Protein backbone atom coordinates (compact mmCIF):
# COMPACT_ATOMS: atom_id res chain seq x y z
CA MET A 1 41.94 -31.92 47.37
CA LEU A 2 40.73 -35.01 45.56
CA GLN A 3 37.11 -33.80 45.52
CA THR A 4 37.94 -30.33 44.27
CA SER A 5 40.08 -31.75 41.49
CA GLN A 6 37.24 -33.97 40.30
CA ARG A 7 34.62 -31.20 40.04
CA PRO A 8 36.11 -29.43 37.02
CA GLY A 9 36.37 -32.79 35.31
CA VAL A 10 32.68 -33.58 35.83
CA ARG A 11 31.60 -30.14 34.68
CA SER A 12 33.77 -30.28 31.59
CA TRP A 13 32.47 -33.78 30.79
CA LEU A 14 28.84 -32.63 31.08
CA ALA A 15 29.59 -29.57 28.97
CA SER A 16 31.14 -31.80 26.34
CA GLN A 17 28.17 -34.20 26.36
CA LEU A 18 25.44 -31.54 26.39
CA LEU A 19 26.83 -28.50 24.59
CA PHE A 20 29.53 -29.64 22.22
CA GLN A 21 28.31 -33.12 21.25
CA LYS A 22 24.63 -32.07 21.70
CA LEU A 23 23.61 -35.42 23.23
CA ASN A 24 24.81 -37.23 20.10
CA ASN A 25 26.47 -39.88 22.25
CA PRO A 26 25.58 -42.87 24.51
CA PHE A 27 24.90 -40.55 27.46
CA GLY A 28 22.44 -38.53 25.39
CA LEU A 29 20.73 -41.66 24.10
CA GLY A 30 20.31 -42.99 27.61
CA LEU A 31 19.03 -39.67 28.91
CA LEU A 32 16.46 -39.34 26.14
CA LEU A 33 15.37 -42.95 26.60
CA LEU A 34 14.87 -42.34 30.34
CA LEU A 35 12.84 -39.21 29.63
CA ALA A 36 10.71 -41.04 27.04
CA ILE A 37 9.96 -43.91 29.45
CA SER A 38 9.11 -41.50 32.28
CA LEU A 39 6.89 -39.38 30.04
CA SER A 40 5.11 -42.45 28.67
CA TYR A 41 4.40 -43.65 32.20
CA VAL A 42 3.04 -40.25 33.26
CA ILE A 43 0.79 -39.96 30.19
CA ALA A 44 -0.46 -43.54 30.61
CA THR A 45 -1.52 -42.94 34.21
CA LEU A 46 -3.45 -39.74 33.40
CA GLU A 47 -6.73 -39.27 31.54
CA LEU A 48 -6.60 -39.51 27.77
CA LYS A 49 -7.47 -35.84 27.27
CA ILE A 50 -4.75 -34.63 29.67
CA GLY A 51 -2.24 -37.00 28.13
CA VAL A 52 -3.00 -35.72 24.65
CA ILE A 53 -2.65 -32.11 25.85
CA ILE A 54 0.76 -32.87 27.40
CA LEU A 55 1.93 -34.67 24.28
CA GLY A 56 0.60 -31.86 22.14
CA ALA A 57 2.51 -29.30 24.21
CA ILE A 58 5.74 -31.25 23.87
CA ILE A 59 5.34 -31.48 20.11
CA GLY A 60 3.64 -28.12 19.68
CA ILE A 61 6.15 -25.80 21.36
CA PRO A 62 9.00 -26.58 18.90
CA ILE A 63 6.51 -26.44 16.01
CA VAL A 64 5.27 -23.00 17.12
CA GLY A 65 8.86 -21.77 17.25
CA ALA A 66 9.53 -23.09 13.75
CA CYS A 67 6.31 -21.52 12.43
CA LEU A 68 7.30 -18.19 13.93
CA LEU A 69 10.71 -18.21 12.25
CA LYS A 70 9.83 -19.94 8.94
CA PRO A 71 6.39 -19.08 7.47
CA ILE A 72 6.58 -21.97 4.99
CA TYR A 73 6.77 -24.39 7.93
CA ALA A 74 3.64 -22.73 9.30
CA ILE A 75 1.79 -23.35 6.03
CA TRP A 76 2.77 -27.01 5.97
CA THR A 77 1.81 -27.48 9.61
CA ILE A 78 -1.52 -25.71 9.16
CA MET A 79 -2.28 -27.86 6.12
CA ILE A 80 -1.59 -31.08 8.03
CA VAL A 81 -3.63 -29.96 11.04
CA GLY A 82 -6.47 -28.84 8.74
CA VAL A 83 -6.74 -32.31 7.21
CA PHE A 84 -6.69 -34.18 10.53
CA VAL A 85 -8.56 -31.76 12.80
CA ASP A 86 -11.98 -33.43 12.36
CA PHE A 87 -10.40 -36.88 12.71
CA LEU A 88 -8.82 -35.88 16.03
CA LYS A 89 -12.12 -34.43 17.25
CA LYS A 90 -13.70 -37.86 16.84
CA MET A 91 -11.07 -39.34 19.15
CA VAL A 92 -10.59 -36.64 21.80
CA ASP A 93 -12.69 -33.68 22.86
CA ALA A 94 -9.96 -31.05 22.67
CA PRO A 95 -9.84 -27.54 21.10
CA PHE A 96 -7.99 -28.49 17.92
CA GLY A 97 -9.80 -25.77 15.97
CA THR A 98 -8.49 -23.17 18.41
CA ALA A 99 -4.99 -24.60 17.98
CA LEU A 100 -5.33 -24.12 14.22
CA ASP A 101 -6.36 -20.50 14.71
CA GLY A 102 -3.40 -20.04 17.01
CA LEU A 103 -1.00 -21.36 14.37
CA LEU A 104 -2.47 -18.94 11.83
CA PHE A 105 -1.92 -15.93 14.09
CA VAL A 106 1.55 -17.11 15.09
CA SER A 107 2.54 -17.40 11.44
CA LEU A 108 1.09 -13.95 10.67
CA PHE A 109 2.99 -12.52 13.65
CA GLY A 110 6.18 -14.07 12.30
CA VAL A 111 5.61 -12.42 8.92
CA LEU A 112 4.97 -9.04 10.57
CA ILE A 113 8.20 -9.34 12.58
CA GLN A 114 10.17 -10.05 9.41
CA GLN A 115 8.44 -7.13 7.67
CA ILE A 116 9.60 -4.77 10.41
CA ARG A 117 13.14 -5.63 9.36
CA ASN A 118 12.66 -5.94 5.58
CA ARG A 119 9.90 -3.34 4.97
CA ASP A 120 8.94 -4.82 1.60
CA LEU A 121 5.26 -5.34 0.80
CA SER A 122 5.70 -5.63 -2.95
CA PHE A 123 4.65 -9.31 -2.85
CA ALA A 124 1.12 -8.25 -1.77
CA LYS A 125 0.61 -5.45 -4.31
CA ASN A 126 -1.85 -7.03 -6.73
CA SER A 127 -5.54 -6.90 -7.54
CA ILE A 128 -6.31 -10.23 -5.84
CA SER A 129 -4.87 -8.99 -2.54
CA ALA A 130 -6.89 -5.78 -2.94
CA TRP A 131 -10.18 -7.68 -3.28
CA ILE A 132 -9.30 -9.94 -0.34
CA PHE A 133 -8.54 -6.87 1.77
CA VAL A 134 -11.93 -5.36 0.87
CA TRP A 135 -13.63 -8.67 1.70
CA VAL A 136 -11.95 -8.85 5.12
CA ILE A 137 -12.87 -5.23 5.95
CA LEU A 138 -16.51 -5.91 5.03
CA ASN A 139 -16.63 -8.96 7.29
CA LEU A 140 -15.11 -7.02 10.18
CA LEU A 141 -17.57 -4.15 9.74
CA GLU A 142 -20.47 -6.63 9.89
CA VAL A 143 -20.15 -6.56 13.67
CA LEU A 144 -21.84 -3.15 13.42
CA ASN A 145 -24.69 -4.40 11.20
CA PRO A 146 -27.91 -2.95 12.71
CA TRP A 147 -29.97 -5.91 11.47
CA ALA A 148 -27.71 -8.52 13.07
CA GLY A 149 -29.45 -10.64 15.68
CA SER A 150 -26.35 -11.57 17.70
CA ARG A 151 -22.81 -10.22 18.07
CA LEU A 152 -21.66 -13.61 19.39
CA ALA A 153 -22.83 -15.23 16.16
CA TRP A 154 -20.59 -12.78 14.28
CA LEU A 155 -17.65 -13.71 16.51
CA TYR A 156 -18.02 -17.41 15.78
CA THR A 157 -18.68 -16.95 12.05
CA VAL A 158 -16.03 -14.40 11.09
CA ARG A 159 -13.33 -17.04 11.67
CA SER A 160 -14.45 -19.19 8.75
CA MET A 161 -15.54 -16.30 6.52
CA ALA A 162 -12.49 -14.04 6.92
CA GLY A 163 -10.14 -15.42 9.58
CA LEU A 164 -8.74 -18.26 7.49
CA ILE A 165 -7.76 -15.74 4.81
CA ILE A 166 -4.74 -15.04 7.02
CA LEU A 167 -3.24 -18.11 5.37
CA TYR A 168 -3.25 -16.30 2.01
CA PHE A 169 -1.10 -13.43 3.31
CA VAL A 170 1.29 -15.83 5.02
CA ALA A 171 1.52 -17.99 1.90
CA ILE A 172 2.07 -15.12 -0.50
CA TYR A 173 5.05 -14.11 1.64
CA ALA A 174 6.36 -17.65 2.18
CA PHE A 175 6.15 -18.64 -1.51
CA ASN A 176 9.46 -16.91 -2.30
CA SER A 177 10.72 -19.62 -4.66
CA TYR A 178 9.43 -22.13 -7.16
CA LYS A 179 10.62 -24.95 -4.89
CA THR A 180 8.53 -23.85 -1.90
CA ILE A 181 5.40 -23.81 -4.07
CA THR A 182 6.04 -27.25 -5.54
CA LYS A 183 6.81 -28.70 -2.10
CA THR A 184 3.50 -27.34 -0.82
CA ILE A 185 1.68 -28.87 -3.80
CA LYS A 186 3.37 -32.23 -3.16
CA LEU A 187 2.29 -32.07 0.48
CA ILE A 188 -1.34 -31.36 -0.50
CA ILE A 189 -1.35 -34.23 -3.01
CA GLY A 190 0.23 -36.53 -0.42
CA LEU A 191 -2.42 -35.63 2.17
CA ALA A 192 -5.17 -36.15 -0.41
CA LEU A 193 -3.77 -39.59 -1.32
CA LEU A 194 -3.54 -40.55 2.36
CA SER A 195 -7.16 -39.42 2.82
CA ALA A 196 -8.22 -41.50 -0.17
CA LEU A 197 -6.46 -44.62 1.10
CA TYR A 198 -7.95 -44.23 4.58
CA GLY A 199 -11.40 -43.79 3.06
CA LEU A 200 -10.96 -46.97 1.02
CA LYS A 201 -9.86 -48.69 4.24
CA GLN A 202 -13.18 -47.63 5.81
CA GLU A 203 -15.05 -49.07 2.83
CA PHE A 204 -13.35 -52.46 2.63
CA LEU A 205 -12.04 -53.04 6.18
CA GLY A 206 -14.61 -51.12 8.19
CA PHE A 207 -14.72 -48.15 10.56
CA SER A 208 -12.80 -47.94 13.81
CA ASP A 209 -14.61 -48.22 17.15
CA ALA A 210 -14.10 -44.52 17.88
CA GLU A 211 -15.59 -43.58 14.50
CA LEU A 212 -18.63 -45.80 15.09
CA VAL A 213 -19.18 -44.29 18.54
CA TRP A 214 -18.98 -40.80 17.01
CA LEU A 215 -21.33 -41.82 14.20
CA TYR A 216 -24.04 -43.41 16.35
CA SER A 217 -23.95 -40.59 18.91
CA ASP A 218 -26.09 -38.36 16.67
CA PRO A 219 -29.18 -39.80 14.92
CA LYS A 220 -29.27 -36.99 12.33
CA LYS A 221 -25.64 -37.58 11.47
CA LEU A 222 -26.27 -41.31 11.11
CA GLU A 223 -29.29 -40.64 8.87
CA LEU A 224 -27.13 -38.49 6.60
CA ILE A 225 -24.30 -41.03 6.29
CA PHE A 226 -26.31 -44.29 6.26
CA GLN A 227 -28.03 -44.33 2.87
CA TRP A 228 -29.03 -47.03 0.40
CA GLY A 229 -28.31 -49.74 2.95
CA ARG A 230 -24.64 -48.77 3.50
CA LEU A 231 -22.46 -46.35 5.43
CA ARG A 232 -20.87 -43.72 3.21
CA ILE A 233 -17.18 -43.20 3.90
CA PHE A 234 -15.82 -39.87 5.14
CA SER A 235 -12.13 -40.64 5.88
CA PHE A 236 -10.59 -37.98 8.18
CA PHE A 237 -13.35 -35.46 7.51
CA SER A 238 -16.62 -34.40 9.12
CA ASP A 239 -18.99 -35.70 6.44
CA PRO A 240 -19.00 -37.55 3.08
CA THR A 241 -19.80 -34.41 1.05
CA THR A 242 -16.74 -32.47 2.25
CA TYR A 243 -14.62 -35.56 1.68
CA GLY A 244 -16.05 -36.27 -1.77
CA ILE A 245 -15.52 -32.70 -2.99
CA PHE A 246 -11.91 -32.77 -1.77
CA MET A 247 -11.32 -36.04 -3.62
CA SER A 248 -12.99 -34.78 -6.80
CA TYR A 249 -10.92 -31.64 -7.38
CA MET A 250 -7.68 -33.18 -6.13
CA GLY A 251 -8.15 -36.20 -8.42
CA THR A 252 -8.79 -33.88 -11.36
CA PHE A 253 -5.73 -31.81 -10.40
CA CYS A 254 -3.55 -34.93 -10.44
CA CYS A 255 -4.86 -35.85 -13.91
CA VAL A 256 -4.05 -32.37 -15.24
CA LEU A 257 -0.53 -32.49 -13.80
CA ALA A 258 -0.03 -35.92 -15.37
CA THR A 259 -0.23 -34.24 -18.79
CA GLY A 260 2.66 -31.90 -17.94
CA PRO A 261 6.38 -32.11 -18.76
CA PHE A 262 7.26 -34.39 -15.86
CA SER A 263 9.05 -37.74 -15.69
CA TRP A 264 7.07 -40.91 -16.42
CA LYS A 265 7.46 -42.03 -12.79
CA LYS A 266 5.78 -38.86 -11.53
CA ARG A 267 3.03 -39.23 -14.11
CA VAL A 268 2.33 -42.82 -13.04
CA ILE A 269 2.21 -41.76 -9.38
CA LEU A 270 -0.17 -38.92 -10.24
CA LEU A 271 -2.49 -41.19 -12.23
CA ILE A 272 -2.54 -43.87 -9.53
CA SER A 273 -3.27 -41.18 -6.94
CA ALA A 274 -6.11 -39.84 -9.11
CA LEU A 275 -7.65 -43.32 -9.44
CA CYS A 276 -7.57 -43.80 -5.67
CA MET A 277 -9.16 -40.39 -5.13
CA PHE A 278 -11.92 -41.00 -7.68
CA ALA A 279 -12.66 -44.42 -6.16
CA ALA A 280 -12.92 -42.87 -2.69
CA MET A 281 -15.14 -40.13 -4.13
CA VAL A 282 -17.54 -42.71 -5.53
CA TYR A 283 -17.82 -44.58 -2.22
CA ALA A 284 -18.39 -41.28 -0.39
CA GLY A 285 -21.63 -41.14 -2.37
CA SER A 286 -22.23 -37.38 -2.62
CA ARG A 287 -23.72 -36.11 -5.88
CA THR A 288 -21.94 -32.76 -6.11
CA PRO A 289 -18.43 -34.27 -6.55
CA PHE A 290 -19.72 -36.49 -9.37
CA VAL A 291 -20.65 -33.39 -11.34
CA LEU A 292 -17.41 -31.56 -10.56
CA VAL A 293 -15.17 -34.17 -12.22
CA PRO A 294 -16.61 -33.98 -15.78
CA PHE A 295 -16.97 -30.22 -15.39
CA GLY A 296 -13.27 -30.00 -14.54
CA PHE A 297 -12.30 -31.98 -17.63
CA ILE A 298 -14.55 -29.76 -19.77
CA VAL A 299 -12.75 -26.67 -18.41
CA PHE A 300 -9.41 -28.38 -19.07
CA THR A 301 -10.44 -29.06 -22.68
CA LEU A 302 -11.71 -25.52 -23.30
CA ILE A 303 -8.58 -23.87 -21.90
CA THR A 304 -6.10 -26.03 -23.81
CA LEU A 305 -8.07 -26.41 -27.07
CA LYS A 306 -5.74 -29.12 -28.35
CA LYS A 307 -7.04 -31.50 -30.98
CA GLU A 308 -5.96 -34.69 -29.21
CA ILE A 309 -7.48 -33.50 -25.92
CA ILE A 310 -10.77 -32.60 -27.62
CA ILE A 311 -10.95 -36.04 -29.26
CA GLY A 312 -10.14 -37.76 -25.97
CA ALA A 313 -12.75 -35.68 -24.14
CA MET A 314 -15.41 -36.58 -26.71
CA PHE A 315 -14.56 -40.28 -26.37
CA LEU A 316 -14.73 -40.13 -22.57
CA GLY A 317 -17.98 -38.17 -22.82
CA LEU A 318 -19.58 -40.90 -24.92
CA LEU A 319 -18.45 -43.54 -22.45
CA GLY A 320 -19.90 -41.46 -19.60
CA ILE A 321 -23.25 -41.08 -21.37
CA GLY A 322 -23.38 -44.83 -21.95
CA PHE A 323 -22.59 -45.51 -18.29
CA VAL A 324 -25.29 -43.12 -17.06
CA MET A 325 -27.93 -44.67 -19.36
CA LYS A 326 -27.07 -48.23 -18.35
CA GLY A 327 -29.27 -49.70 -15.64
CA THR A 328 -27.74 -51.04 -12.44
CA SER A 329 -28.82 -52.49 -9.11
CA ASN A 330 -25.59 -51.50 -7.36
CA PRO A 331 -26.41 -48.73 -4.81
CA VAL A 332 -22.99 -47.08 -5.23
CA LEU A 333 -23.22 -46.90 -9.02
CA PHE A 334 -26.89 -45.88 -8.88
CA ARG A 335 -25.98 -42.99 -6.61
CA LEU A 336 -23.36 -41.89 -9.14
CA GLN A 337 -25.83 -42.15 -12.05
CA SER A 338 -28.50 -40.20 -10.17
CA ALA A 339 -26.32 -37.08 -10.23
CA PHE A 340 -26.74 -36.92 -14.03
CA ILE A 341 -30.36 -38.11 -14.34
CA PRO A 342 -32.79 -35.17 -13.98
CA LYS A 343 -35.68 -37.19 -12.58
CA HIS A 344 -33.54 -38.28 -9.61
CA SER A 345 -32.16 -34.82 -8.78
CA ASP A 346 -35.13 -32.56 -9.69
CA ASP A 347 -36.66 -32.70 -6.20
CA THR A 348 -33.45 -31.50 -4.55
CA MET A 349 -32.94 -28.69 -7.04
CA GLN A 350 -36.58 -27.60 -6.84
CA VAL A 351 -36.26 -27.25 -3.06
CA ARG A 352 -33.14 -25.10 -3.54
CA PHE A 353 -34.87 -22.92 -6.17
CA LYS A 354 -37.91 -22.50 -3.91
CA ASN A 355 -35.77 -21.42 -0.94
CA GLN A 356 -33.83 -18.95 -3.09
CA LYS A 357 -37.04 -17.45 -4.46
CA PHE A 358 -38.37 -17.13 -0.91
CA ILE A 359 -35.30 -15.26 0.40
CA GLN A 360 -34.74 -12.92 -2.56
CA PRO A 361 -37.01 -10.05 -1.30
CA MET A 362 -35.14 -9.94 1.99
CA ILE A 363 -31.79 -9.82 0.17
CA HIS A 364 -33.02 -6.90 -1.94
CA ARG A 365 -34.05 -4.97 1.19
CA HIS A 366 -30.71 -5.49 3.00
CA PRO A 367 -27.76 -4.47 0.82
CA ILE A 368 -25.23 -5.40 3.55
CA GLY A 369 -27.16 -8.44 4.75
CA VAL A 370 -28.52 -9.30 8.18
CA GLY A 371 -25.19 -10.13 9.83
CA LEU A 372 -22.72 -12.98 9.97
CA GLY A 373 -24.07 -16.08 11.67
CA SER A 374 -27.71 -15.22 10.94
CA THR A 375 -28.19 -18.60 9.21
CA GLY A 376 -27.01 -22.13 9.79
CA VAL A 377 -25.63 -23.69 12.97
CA TRP A 378 -24.76 -20.47 14.77
CA ALA A 379 -28.20 -19.01 14.09
CA LYS A 380 -29.82 -22.03 15.74
CA ARG A 381 -27.56 -21.50 18.75
CA PHE A 382 -27.68 -17.72 19.20
CA THR A 383 -30.91 -16.62 17.45
CA PRO A 384 -33.17 -19.70 17.54
CA ASP A 385 -36.36 -17.59 17.33
CA SER A 386 -35.39 -16.09 13.97
CA PHE A 387 -36.96 -17.62 10.85
CA LEU A 388 -33.47 -17.70 9.32
CA ALA A 389 -32.39 -20.23 11.95
CA ASP A 390 -34.40 -22.86 10.08
CA PHE A 391 -33.67 -21.51 6.60
CA ALA A 392 -31.76 -24.06 4.51
CA HIS A 393 -29.54 -21.91 2.29
CA ASP A 394 -27.76 -25.00 0.84
CA SER A 395 -25.29 -22.77 -0.97
CA GLY A 396 -22.20 -20.74 -0.21
CA PHE A 397 -23.38 -17.94 -2.49
CA VAL A 398 -26.87 -17.80 -0.96
CA ARG A 399 -25.38 -17.67 2.52
CA ILE A 400 -23.17 -14.72 1.53
CA ALA A 401 -26.16 -12.93 -0.02
CA VAL A 402 -28.20 -13.38 3.18
CA GLU A 403 -25.49 -12.58 5.73
CA LEU A 404 -23.49 -9.90 3.83
CA GLY A 405 -26.13 -8.75 1.35
CA TRP A 406 -25.90 -8.27 -2.38
CA VAL A 407 -22.96 -5.87 -1.78
CA GLY A 408 -20.98 -8.66 -0.16
CA LEU A 409 -21.97 -11.11 -2.90
CA LEU A 410 -20.79 -8.69 -5.61
CA ILE A 411 -17.45 -8.20 -3.84
CA TYR A 412 -16.95 -11.94 -3.47
CA MET A 413 -17.87 -12.61 -7.10
CA ALA A 414 -15.47 -9.88 -8.22
CA PHE A 415 -12.72 -11.53 -6.20
CA LEU A 416 -13.41 -14.95 -7.77
CA PHE A 417 -13.59 -13.45 -11.25
CA THR A 418 -10.25 -11.65 -10.77
CA LEU A 419 -8.65 -14.84 -9.47
CA LEU A 420 -9.88 -16.96 -12.40
CA ARG A 421 -8.90 -14.28 -14.90
CA GLN A 422 -5.37 -14.00 -13.50
CA CYS A 423 -4.96 -17.76 -13.52
CA ILE A 424 -5.85 -18.07 -17.22
CA TYR A 425 -3.95 -14.85 -18.05
CA TYR A 426 -0.65 -16.19 -16.75
CA TYR A 427 -1.28 -19.67 -18.13
CA LEU A 428 -1.34 -18.17 -21.60
CA ARG A 429 1.77 -16.02 -21.07
CA VAL A 430 4.34 -17.91 -19.01
CA ARG A 431 7.05 -19.73 -20.97
CA ASN A 432 8.18 -22.46 -18.60
CA GLN A 433 6.05 -25.49 -19.34
CA LYS A 434 6.03 -26.77 -15.77
CA ILE A 435 4.70 -23.45 -14.50
CA LYS A 436 2.20 -23.39 -17.36
CA CYS A 437 0.95 -26.84 -16.31
CA LEU A 438 0.55 -25.70 -12.71
CA TYR A 439 -1.47 -22.67 -13.79
CA LEU A 440 -3.67 -24.98 -15.86
CA GLY A 441 -4.25 -27.26 -12.88
CA PHE A 442 -5.02 -24.28 -10.64
CA ALA A 443 -7.52 -22.92 -13.17
CA VAL A 444 -9.37 -26.25 -13.36
CA VAL A 445 -9.54 -26.57 -9.55
CA LEU A 446 -10.69 -22.97 -9.08
CA PHE A 447 -13.47 -23.38 -11.64
CA GLN A 448 -14.58 -26.57 -9.88
CA LEU A 449 -14.65 -24.89 -6.48
CA THR A 450 -16.54 -21.90 -7.87
CA LEU A 451 -19.21 -24.22 -9.29
CA ALA A 452 -19.34 -26.20 -6.03
CA CYS A 453 -20.14 -23.01 -4.10
CA TYR A 454 -23.61 -22.93 -5.66
CA PRO A 455 -24.99 -26.22 -4.24
CA GLN A 456 -22.69 -26.46 -1.19
CA GLU A 457 -20.72 -24.41 1.31
CA VAL A 458 -17.23 -25.33 0.15
CA LEU A 459 -14.76 -22.50 0.67
CA VAL A 460 -15.45 -22.14 4.40
CA LEU A 461 -14.85 -25.81 5.26
CA LEU A 462 -11.57 -27.51 6.16
CA PRO A 463 -9.36 -28.49 4.45
CA THR A 464 -10.71 -27.04 1.19
CA SER A 465 -10.52 -23.47 2.52
CA LEU A 466 -6.80 -23.93 3.28
CA VAL A 467 -6.14 -25.45 -0.15
CA PHE A 468 -8.07 -22.63 -1.82
CA TYR A 469 -6.09 -19.83 -0.14
CA SER A 470 -2.79 -21.62 -0.78
CA ILE A 471 -3.65 -21.96 -4.47
CA THR A 472 -4.70 -18.30 -4.57
CA ALA A 473 -1.30 -17.26 -3.22
CA ALA A 474 0.45 -19.59 -5.69
CA VAL A 475 -1.47 -18.01 -8.60
CA VAL A 476 -0.12 -14.61 -7.59
CA ARG A 477 3.49 -15.68 -6.96
CA LEU A 478 4.17 -18.43 -9.49
CA LYS A 479 4.59 -16.06 -12.45
CA ASP A 480 7.56 -14.42 -10.70
CA PHE A 481 9.63 -17.56 -11.25
CA ASP A 482 8.99 -17.92 -14.96
CA ASP A 483 12.08 -17.78 -17.21
CA ILE A 484 10.97 -15.74 -20.22
CA HIS A 485 14.45 -15.99 -21.76
CA THR A 486 14.04 -19.68 -22.63
CA ASN A 487 12.23 -20.67 -25.79
CA HIS A 488 9.22 -22.95 -25.94
CA ASN A 489 11.33 -25.97 -26.83
CA THR A 490 13.70 -25.79 -23.87
CA SER A 491 11.61 -24.13 -21.18
CA SER A 492 10.34 -27.45 -19.88
CA LEU A 493 13.89 -28.65 -19.32
CA THR A 494 15.12 -25.71 -17.26
CA SER A 495 14.42 -24.95 -13.65
CA PRO A 496 12.27 -21.84 -13.12
CA THR A 497 14.33 -18.87 -11.95
CA LEU A 498 13.37 -15.83 -9.96
CA ILE A 499 12.48 -12.75 -11.97
CA PRO A 500 12.07 -9.63 -9.79
CA THR A 501 8.51 -8.66 -10.67
CA THR A 502 6.82 -6.50 -8.05
CA VAL A 503 3.60 -5.16 -9.50
CA GLU A 504 0.79 -6.48 -11.59
CA VAL A 505 0.64 -4.67 -14.93
CA SER A 506 -0.74 -5.12 -18.40
CA ASP A 507 0.72 -7.68 -20.78
CA ALA A 508 2.94 -5.21 -22.67
CA ASN A 509 4.21 -3.50 -19.51
CA TYR A 510 4.70 -6.89 -17.88
CA LEU A 511 7.04 -8.11 -20.63
CA HIS A 512 8.77 -4.71 -20.76
CA GLN A 513 9.48 -4.86 -17.03
CA LYS A 514 10.89 -8.38 -17.42
CA GLN A 515 13.27 -7.19 -20.14
CA ILE A 516 14.46 -4.27 -18.00
CA ASP A 517 15.20 -6.59 -15.06
CA SER A 518 17.03 -9.17 -17.17
CA PRO A 519 20.84 -9.52 -16.80
CA VAL A 520 21.30 -8.85 -20.53
CA ALA A 521 19.54 -5.49 -20.30
CA LYS A 522 21.56 -4.49 -17.25
CA ARG A 523 24.85 -5.16 -19.05
CA ARG A 524 23.71 -2.92 -21.86
């Protein structure tokens, strides 16, 4: 009798501890501590790779569930993984790139599930989405290209050329409020600042042992990074060029936002972040980012056309000319100056021009190209006997022209033109000054990335590709939260509100639709 009377008490106590109090008690703390100690012991006794996989599964399963239910969580997670994926590869040989692809498809699956219930695709009905859809279809059809040398090369290449665009469709659905967009921007700036600080740590405190082992494992990689008697920093990324480009456009973006209608504390934080990013860019030592920064400020000046900005730009331009003309024995500063001195960069550009001239007849003969993966790393792996395996395209645009032909290049250029046009279009028409400032920053970054595509492959590399597609989605969605009923004097003081705009129309129809959807018009 005594035993049977105790059983309900034990069961009710466990139910209270586990279900009702949800382990928020001493018993729960002890249980979690015991599990943590046991798990730590198990991971410590196994190989590093297996331990990382177990830890990743423990962390990853809840994250996957959250990404499936909340697309905005998926975007934030993908952004974080995209920044650190190359850093993790240096430490552990694990399929982090595959995990990133998995997160993308999980997030897309979550959006499709929600669309089955909501059945509302109005957020994707715009010209930018149309061009992206055409671009994706073209890349998928390239598997049937009769001139392609390898179908496996297509399989490995389509991920970077079209697979990452999944993020755009997830983001355009997840950006359902002004707050979600600004939180995503804050996350990107925070990751860029962290990357800058870690790069400066590499410069002044040195590289970690794992990074040095990774660096010295490949002589070609070491030759690329060790220049002018010093190791160029690369932070969490695969190479100094990718890192430097990321720092250049993010630093410029922070400077543009610092001119917006934000509090002085936020402006100071943005300017300090920009200084850290520019310093890291300089120590990375790649020439392309050095050109992108002044180009970005020129675009900023031309779009705004304000007298004080023009005067400031002219003053900074004179200082820049003086700096470039001044002699120096510092290898870091000399590398920066060489980007603007023709005699130091002519050889590189002449090689690019020669390669482009050489490949032009083949591009003319193949309107849809010779297949994805016909150049670069995958060509050396799958079609090593092809002359394109050793062809140095040295340009995102040239690669598109070779692999997808002049038809693919025209489609891609039309997409970029539409994106830039829409960005400037809405910058000139939105009323809320904070949204206007964001559009200005997006326009500057997009112009920088478009220019960077000529000398480098930019938009297919992490994390720039993820930032690019997130910005593209923000360009489409941000206008929907503009408050056109506030005047120019008070719009910067009010929080942007949701205006139910569903289609992209001309300027007159756009404003007419806003007036119809306004509460005042409905009362009438």
